[in-house]
Amino acid sequence: MLIRVAVEQAPAAPRRRCLFPVALLLIVAAATGCSQAPPDPATWDGTRAALRRAIRELRPTDPDAAAEVERLLAAAEMVTARENSVSHWRRTTGLAPAAWNTAMVTASRALAAARNERADLSTRLADLLARADAGIEAAEGRIGRAGIDGRRAGETASARYHVTTARKLGEGGNHAAALAHAEEALALTADLDHSWGKSIERFSDPSLLALWREQAAETIEESRRTGRPVIIVDKLRRRLTVYERGSERAVFAAELGGNGLERKLKTGDHATPEGRYRVTVKKSGGATKYYLALLIDYPNADDLRRYRAAEAAGEIPRGTGAGNLIEIHGHGGSGRDWTDGCVALTNEDMDDLFAMVHVGTRVTIVGTL
């Protein structure tokens, strides 16, 4: 009886012997299977590529930001490598994602700032270039006009070069250098505009305008009274008008001296005189090298008084002379001011003018009306 009981109770022993292996298996499972493995390094390939692109984009315009992103990229790589070099149960979960996230946030902010700055620079560059283009166009339209000499024409060409260079640099993303060239172009055009403004500022002087209008009115009244033709030259408008019996008969485009907007004072100043004159000689054939010519009586008494006063004041060297041989002649039509102080018309217009006038015809030259 006792023996049977012992045999029946014997199977309970194996349960107690299995406790150790089962516990060991649970520990191993906890160490190897129950903890989540960190992402494989390849998981960060897209982020890594994006950060490298950001570094390349930032480096030309914001090298400090590029260096910071590069440092954070290296730090993220180190954290990821360290986590992958130790057993899973010794790793600190989340360090690698945090490092990569820090790098990406920094790069995104730096790129946004850099792109906004580039957009602002592009807008500023476009504005400067538009203003420079307008200034150059205006200056080029004045080349050959009185007061714009060869040196000024060279400055116009230089401004055009700076504009072209600025555009190329801007298209290449080098906004800093592009802006420097655009600003240089704008400075040149501003200087050209200032020079032009100085040459024409006296044409808005109320006292001079009143004088010129009075002289023109007296000349037209002479034509009305005598029935004879008279000539009025408007220097600023580069226009020669013939009046007969007080009414406009013909209008011709005129060209002046190389410094024609100034009032002639002395020999060699290339200025066109202002005042009331008369035709003294009608030249044709071999008498003139300019097709046809009307010589006027410059210098008159007023011109000589101005010259002597300037000489006495030391404004011009003594003995320079007031100049002479001022004519209305042919060979004009070039669209530029080129004479030594004369008024030039096309040969066709000189044919018409020559037939209208005679020795003694009044010629009044004014700044403008």
Protein backbone atom coordinates (compact mmCIF):
# COMPACT_ATOMS: atom_id res chain seq x y z
CA MET A 1 0.00 0.00 0.00
CA LEU A 2 2.69 2.41 0.92
CA ILE A 3 4.66 1.56 -2.16
CA ARG A 4 1.79 2.36 -4.44
CA VAL A 5 1.25 5.73 -2.89
CA ALA A 6 4.85 6.62 -3.40
CA VAL A 7 4.72 5.74 -7.06
CA GLU A 8 1.58 7.76 -7.56
CA GLN A 9 3.15 10.89 -6.04
CA ALA A 10 6.41 10.66 -7.95
CA PRO A 11 5.37 12.68 -11.09
CA ALA A 12 5.17 15.97 -9.12
CA ALA A 13 8.96 16.20 -8.89
CA PRO A 14 9.67 17.27 -12.55
CA ARG A 15 7.63 20.51 -12.15
CA ARG A 16 10.05 21.72 -9.48
CA ARG A 17 13.10 20.87 -11.65
CA CYS A 18 11.78 22.98 -14.64
CA LEU A 19 11.63 26.30 -12.76
CA PHE A 20 15.27 27.27 -13.46
CA PRO A 21 15.33 26.66 -17.26
CA VAL A 22 12.07 28.51 -17.72
CA ALA A 23 13.32 31.55 -15.78
CA LEU A 24 16.51 31.59 -17.82
CA LEU A 25 14.56 31.54 -21.04
CA LEU A 26 12.43 34.44 -19.84
CA ILE A 27 15.53 36.50 -19.01
CA VAL A 28 17.07 35.82 -22.43
CA ALA A 29 13.83 36.66 -24.13
CA ALA A 30 13.60 39.91 -22.24
CA ALA A 31 17.14 40.83 -23.25
CA THR A 32 16.87 39.91 -26.90
CA GLY A 33 13.29 39.92 -28.02
CA CYS A 34 11.21 42.15 -25.80
CA SER A 35 13.24 45.39 -26.21
CA GLN A 36 12.68 47.32 -29.54
CA ALA A 37 15.76 47.51 -31.79
CA PRO A 38 16.77 51.04 -32.93
CA PRO A 39 16.48 51.88 -36.62
CA ASP A 40 19.16 50.66 -38.94
CA PRO A 41 21.65 53.39 -40.04
CA ALA A 42 20.15 53.23 -43.53
CA THR A 43 16.95 54.64 -41.98
CA TRP A 44 18.61 58.07 -41.86
CA ASP A 45 19.81 58.07 -45.49
CA GLY A 46 17.11 60.51 -46.65
CA THR A 47 17.76 62.85 -43.73
CA ARG A 48 21.50 62.62 -44.27
CA ALA A 49 21.13 63.52 -47.98
CA ALA A 50 18.82 66.45 -47.15
CA LEU A 51 21.31 67.82 -44.63
CA ARG A 52 24.16 67.58 -47.12
CA ARG A 53 22.10 69.47 -49.71
CA ALA A 54 21.36 72.14 -47.13
CA ILE A 55 25.05 72.49 -46.33
CA ARG A 56 25.89 72.95 -50.02
CA GLU A 57 23.16 75.56 -50.44
CA LEU A 58 24.11 77.48 -47.31
CA ARG A 59 27.88 77.49 -47.75
CA PRO A 60 28.14 80.28 -50.43
CA THR A 61 25.91 82.78 -48.61
CA ASP A 62 25.95 81.75 -44.92
CA PRO A 63 29.11 79.74 -44.18
CA ASP A 64 28.52 79.93 -40.41
CA ALA A 65 25.10 78.31 -40.72
CA ALA A 66 26.54 75.69 -43.07
CA ALA A 67 29.25 74.89 -40.53
CA GLU A 68 26.67 74.51 -37.73
CA VAL A 69 24.54 72.12 -39.78
CA GLU A 70 27.67 70.19 -40.69
CA ARG A 71 28.57 69.92 -36.99
CA LEU A 72 25.09 68.68 -36.08
CA LEU A 73 25.19 66.15 -38.91
CA ALA A 74 28.49 64.80 -37.59
CA ALA A 75 27.03 64.65 -34.07
CA ALA A 76 24.01 62.69 -35.29
CA GLU A 77 26.28 60.27 -37.13
CA MET A 78 28.33 59.74 -33.95
CA VAL A 79 25.24 59.10 -31.79
CA THR A 80 23.88 56.64 -34.32
CA ALA A 81 27.20 54.82 -34.62
CA ARG A 82 27.58 54.62 -30.83
CA GLU A 83 24.09 53.19 -30.37
CA ASN A 84 24.73 50.56 -33.00
CA SER A 85 28.02 49.55 -31.40
CA VAL A 86 26.57 48.40 -28.05
CA SER A 87 24.14 45.71 -27.03
CA HIS A 88 20.48 46.58 -27.32
CA TRP A 89 19.87 46.38 -23.60
CA ARG A 90 22.58 49.03 -22.98
CA ARG A 91 21.25 51.58 -25.48
CA THR A 92 19.49 54.84 -24.59
CA THR A 93 16.33 54.91 -26.65
CA GLY A 94 15.66 58.14 -28.61
CA LEU A 95 19.13 59.73 -28.70
CA ALA A 96 19.67 59.16 -32.42
CA PRO A 97 16.24 60.45 -33.54
CA ALA A 98 16.70 63.52 -31.35
CA ALA A 99 20.13 64.25 -32.85
CA TRP A 100 18.86 63.91 -36.40
CA ASN A 101 15.81 66.01 -35.61
CA THR A 102 17.98 68.79 -34.11
CA ALA A 103 20.10 68.85 -37.26
CA MET A 104 17.05 68.98 -39.54
CA VAL A 105 15.30 71.75 -37.59
CA THR A 106 18.48 73.86 -37.59
CA ALA A 107 19.00 73.29 -41.30
CA SER A 108 15.37 74.14 -42.13
CA ARG A 109 15.51 77.41 -40.22
CA ALA A 110 18.83 78.39 -41.77
CA LEU A 111 17.57 77.58 -45.27
CA ALA A 112 14.39 79.60 -44.74
CA ALA A 113 16.40 82.60 -43.56
CA ALA A 114 18.88 82.28 -46.43
CA ARG A 115 16.13 81.94 -49.03
CA ASN A 116 14.27 84.95 -47.65
CA GLU A 117 17.47 86.96 -47.77
CA ARG A 118 18.13 85.86 -51.35
CA ALA A 119 14.61 86.86 -52.31
CA ASP A 120 15.14 90.29 -50.75
CA LEU A 121 18.48 90.65 -52.52
CA SER A 122 16.92 89.60 -55.82
CA THR A 123 14.20 92.22 -55.41
CA ARG A 124 16.75 94.90 -54.55
CA LEU A 125 18.95 93.88 -57.48
CA ALA A 126 16.02 94.03 -59.90
CA ASP A 127 15.15 97.53 -58.65
CA LEU A 128 18.72 98.80 -59.00
CA LEU A 129 19.06 97.33 -62.49
CA ALA A 130 15.77 98.83 -63.63
CA ARG A 131 16.86 102.26 -62.41
CA ALA A 132 20.32 101.86 -63.99
CA ASP A 133 18.77 100.77 -67.30
CA ALA A 134 16.55 103.84 -67.33
CA GLY A 135 19.52 106.10 -66.53
CA ILE A 136 21.66 104.53 -69.24
CA GLU A 137 18.89 104.85 -71.80
CA ALA A 138 18.52 108.53 -70.97
CA ALA A 139 22.29 109.08 -71.10
CA GLU A 140 22.63 107.25 -74.41
CA GLY A 141 19.89 109.47 -75.83
CA ARG A 142 21.99 112.49 -74.88
CA ILE A 143 25.27 111.29 -76.39
CA GLY A 144 26.31 113.78 -79.00
CA ARG A 145 24.17 116.47 -77.42
CA ALA A 146 25.79 119.61 -76.08
CA GLY A 147 27.42 119.07 -72.71
CA ILE A 148 27.87 115.30 -73.13
CA ASP A 149 31.41 114.86 -74.39
CA GLY A 150 33.41 111.73 -75.25
CA ARG A 151 34.35 111.10 -71.62
CA ARG A 152 30.68 111.03 -70.66
CA ALA A 153 29.96 108.64 -73.51
CA GLY A 154 32.66 106.36 -72.08
CA GLU A 155 30.97 106.47 -68.68
CA THR A 156 27.72 105.37 -70.32
CA ALA A 157 29.48 102.36 -71.83
CA SER A 158 31.03 101.55 -68.46
CA ALA A 159 27.61 101.70 -66.78
CA ARG A 160 26.25 99.29 -69.39
CA TYR A 161 29.12 96.88 -68.64
CA HIS A 162 28.35 96.94 -64.91
CA VAL A 163 24.66 96.24 -65.58
CA THR A 164 25.47 93.26 -67.81
CA THR A 165 27.92 91.88 -65.25
CA ALA A 166 25.42 92.34 -62.41
CA ARG A 167 22.77 90.38 -64.30
CA LYS A 168 25.13 87.47 -64.94
CA LEU A 169 26.24 87.35 -61.31
CA GLY A 170 22.66 87.55 -60.10
CA GLU A 171 21.62 84.67 -62.33
CA GLY A 172 24.50 82.67 -60.85
CA GLY A 173 23.32 83.37 -57.30
CA ASN A 174 26.19 85.71 -56.36
CA HIS A 175 23.94 88.51 -55.20
CA ALA A 176 26.56 90.37 -53.16
CA ALA A 177 28.84 90.87 -56.16
CA ALA A 178 25.86 91.54 -58.42
CA LEU A 179 24.64 94.31 -56.14
CA ALA A 180 28.09 95.91 -56.09
CA HIS A 181 28.11 96.12 -59.90
CA ALA A 182 24.52 97.36 -60.02
CA GLU A 183 25.30 100.11 -57.51
CA GLU A 184 28.35 101.15 -59.54
CA ALA A 185 26.21 101.35 -62.68
CA LEU A 186 23.64 103.44 -60.85
CA ALA A 187 26.35 105.77 -59.51
CA LEU A 188 27.66 106.32 -63.03
CA THR A 189 24.19 107.07 -64.41
CA ALA A 190 23.52 109.45 -61.51
CA ASP A 191 26.75 111.29 -62.34
CA LEU A 192 25.74 111.49 -66.00
CA ASP A 193 22.32 112.77 -65.04
CA HIS A 194 23.86 115.36 -62.72
CA SER A 195 26.17 116.54 -65.51
CA TRP A 196 23.23 116.86 -67.86
CA GLY A 197 21.21 118.68 -65.22
CA LYS A 198 24.01 121.18 -64.67
CA SER A 199 24.20 121.89 -68.39
CA ILE A 200 20.49 122.67 -68.69
CA GLU A 201 19.64 124.14 -65.28
CA ARG A 202 19.94 127.70 -66.52
CA PHE A 203 17.13 127.05 -69.00
CA SER A 204 14.67 127.13 -66.11
CA ASP A 205 15.99 130.45 -64.78
CA PRO A 206 12.97 132.83 -64.79
CA SER A 207 15.04 135.92 -65.56
CA LEU A 208 16.73 134.25 -68.54
CA LEU A 209 13.44 132.86 -69.83
CA ALA A 210 11.93 136.33 -69.64
CA LEU A 211 14.91 137.81 -71.54
CA TRP A 212 14.80 135.16 -74.27
CA ARG A 213 11.05 135.50 -74.75
CA GLU A 214 11.37 139.26 -74.96
CA GLN A 215 14.11 138.98 -77.62
CA ALA A 216 12.05 136.47 -79.63
CA ALA A 217 8.94 138.63 -79.41
CA GLU A 218 10.86 141.72 -80.61
CA THR A 219 12.26 139.71 -83.53
CA ILE A 220 8.84 138.42 -84.58
CA GLU A 221 7.42 141.95 -84.26
CA GLU A 222 10.20 143.20 -86.56
CA SER A 223 9.13 140.63 -89.13
CA ARG A 224 5.49 141.71 -88.78
CA ARG A 225 6.40 145.36 -89.13
CA THR A 226 8.77 145.02 -92.10
CA GLY A 227 7.28 141.98 -93.81
CA ARG A 228 10.75 140.49 -94.01
CA PRO A 229 11.83 137.01 -92.84
CA VAL A 230 13.60 136.57 -89.52
CA ILE A 231 15.28 133.56 -87.92
CA ILE A 232 14.88 132.38 -84.32
CA VAL A 233 17.09 129.55 -83.01
CA ASP A 234 15.96 127.70 -79.85
CA LYS A 235 19.11 126.01 -78.57
CA LEU A 236 17.54 123.69 -76.01
CA ARG A 237 14.97 122.39 -78.50
CA ARG A 238 17.54 122.48 -81.32
CA ARG A 239 15.08 124.14 -83.58
CA LEU A 240 15.47 126.91 -86.17
CA THR A 241 12.25 128.70 -87.09
CA VAL A 242 11.74 131.16 -89.92
CA TYR A 243 9.04 133.83 -89.49
CA GLU A 244 7.75 136.00 -92.30
CA ARG A 245 5.31 138.90 -91.80
CA GLY A 246 5.13 137.82 -88.17
CA SER A 247 3.96 134.27 -88.93
CA GLU A 248 5.81 130.98 -88.80
CA ARG A 249 6.92 129.94 -92.26
CA ALA A 250 9.33 127.00 -91.75
CA VAL A 251 10.88 124.95 -88.94
CA PHE A 252 14.17 123.03 -89.24
CA ALA A 253 16.01 120.67 -86.90
CA ALA A 254 19.33 122.19 -85.84
CA GLU A 255 22.63 120.99 -84.39
CA LEU A 256 24.87 123.08 -82.15
CA GLY A 257 28.44 123.34 -80.98
CA GLY A 258 29.93 120.54 -78.92
CA ASN A 259 29.28 122.70 -75.85
CA GLY A 260 26.41 124.47 -77.52
CA LEU A 261 24.07 124.81 -74.56
CA GLU A 262 26.52 127.24 -72.97
CA ARG A 263 26.60 130.85 -74.10
CA LYS A 264 29.69 131.52 -76.18
CA LEU A 265 32.33 133.60 -74.41
CA LYS A 266 35.69 132.97 -76.02
CA THR A 267 37.58 131.28 -78.81
CA GLY A 268 37.59 127.49 -78.68
CA ASP A 269 34.83 126.97 -76.10
CA HIS A 270 32.61 125.19 -78.70
CA ALA A 271 29.63 127.09 -77.31
CA THR A 272 26.87 128.54 -79.48
CA PRO A 273 26.27 132.27 -78.91
CA GLU A 274 23.04 133.82 -77.66
CA GLY A 275 21.77 137.23 -78.68
CA ARG A 276 20.42 139.25 -81.59
CA TYR A 277 22.50 139.14 -84.78
CA ARG A 278 22.18 139.68 -88.52
CA VAL A 279 23.30 137.76 -91.59
CA THR A 280 26.38 139.49 -92.97
CA VAL A 281 27.42 137.12 -95.79
CA LYS A 282 25.67 134.37 -97.78
CA LYS A 283 28.28 131.76 -98.73
CA SER A 284 28.03 129.16 -101.46
CA GLY A 285 30.29 127.21 -103.77
CA GLY A 286 33.94 127.49 -102.86
CA ALA A 287 33.25 130.17 -100.25
CA THR A 288 32.35 127.52 -97.64
CA LYS A 289 33.26 123.92 -96.94
CA TYR A 290 29.81 123.34 -95.40
CA TYR A 291 27.70 123.31 -98.60
CA LEU A 292 25.95 126.65 -97.90
CA ALA A 293 26.47 129.08 -95.05
CA LEU A 294 25.06 132.25 -93.52
CA LEU A 295 27.71 134.20 -91.61
CA ILE A 296 26.36 136.26 -88.69
CA ASP A 297 27.88 139.27 -86.95
CA TYR A 298 29.18 137.54 -83.85
CA PRO A 299 30.75 138.99 -81.72
CA ASN A 300 28.48 142.01 -81.43
CA ALA A 301 28.88 144.84 -78.90
CA ASP A 302 27.15 142.86 -76.11
CA ASP A 303 29.39 139.84 -76.71
CA LEU A 304 32.53 141.95 -76.58
CA ARG A 305 31.44 143.57 -73.30
CA ARG A 306 30.91 140.15 -71.73
CA TYR A 307 34.27 138.93 -73.00
CA ARG A 308 36.18 141.97 -71.65
CA ALA A 309 34.45 141.71 -68.26
CA ALA A 310 35.40 138.03 -67.99
CA GLU A 311 38.96 138.82 -69.03
CA ALA A 312 39.22 141.60 -66.46
CA ALA A 313 37.84 139.32 -63.73
CA GLY A 314 40.44 136.67 -64.56
CA GLU A 315 37.78 134.17 -65.64
CA ILE A 316 39.57 133.65 -68.95
CA PRO A 317 43.21 134.21 -69.96
CA ARG A 318 43.98 137.61 -71.43
CA GLY A 319 44.27 137.70 -75.17
CA THR A 320 42.15 134.60 -75.72
CA GLY A 321 39.71 136.41 -77.99
CA ALA A 322 35.92 136.29 -78.17
CA GLY A 323 35.91 134.10 -81.29
CA ASN A 324 34.32 134.73 -84.68
CA LEU A 325 33.12 133.04 -87.89
CA ILE A 326 29.82 131.85 -86.40
CA GLU A 327 27.53 130.59 -89.17
CA ILE A 328 24.34 128.75 -89.94
CA HIS A 329 25.59 126.13 -92.37
CA GLY A 330 25.00 122.74 -93.96
CA HIS A 331 26.37 119.24 -93.42
CA GLY A 332 24.04 118.73 -90.46
CA GLY A 333 21.68 115.84 -89.92
CA SER A 334 23.92 113.62 -87.81
CA GLY A 335 21.68 113.96 -84.77
CA ARG A 336 24.51 115.20 -82.56
CA ASP A 337 26.05 118.52 -81.58
CA TRP A 338 29.43 118.72 -83.26
CA THR A 339 30.27 122.21 -84.54
CA ASP A 340 32.72 124.73 -83.08
CA GLY A 341 29.74 126.89 -82.08
CA CYS A 342 27.82 127.23 -85.33
CA VAL A 343 24.27 126.08 -86.08
CA ALA A 344 24.12 123.21 -88.60
CA LEU A 345 21.20 122.09 -90.78
CA THR A 346 20.93 119.34 -93.37
CA ASN A 347 21.94 120.38 -96.87
CA GLU A 348 18.33 120.06 -98.05
CA ASP A 349 17.14 122.40 -95.28
CA MET A 350 19.95 124.82 -96.08
CA ASP A 351 18.70 124.96 -99.68
CA ASP A 352 15.30 126.11 -98.41
CA LEU A 353 16.67 128.51 -95.79
CA PHE A 354 19.22 130.02 -98.17
CA ALA A 355 16.45 130.89 -100.61
CA MET A 356 14.30 132.56 -97.92
CA VAL A 357 16.80 134.97 -96.37
CA HIS A 358 19.16 137.72 -97.44
CA VAL A 359 22.04 139.77 -96.09
CA GLY A 360 20.67 141.77 -93.17
CA THR A 361 18.16 139.12 -92.06
CA ARG A 362 17.69 139.19 -88.29
CA VAL A 363 18.96 136.07 -86.48
CA THR A 364 18.00 135.78 -82.81
CA ILE A 365 19.52 132.89 -80.86
CA VAL A 366 17.98 132.13 -77.47
CA GLY A 367 18.43 129.43 -74.86
CA THR A 368 14.82 128.30 -75.09
CA LEU A 369 11.29 129.68 -75.18
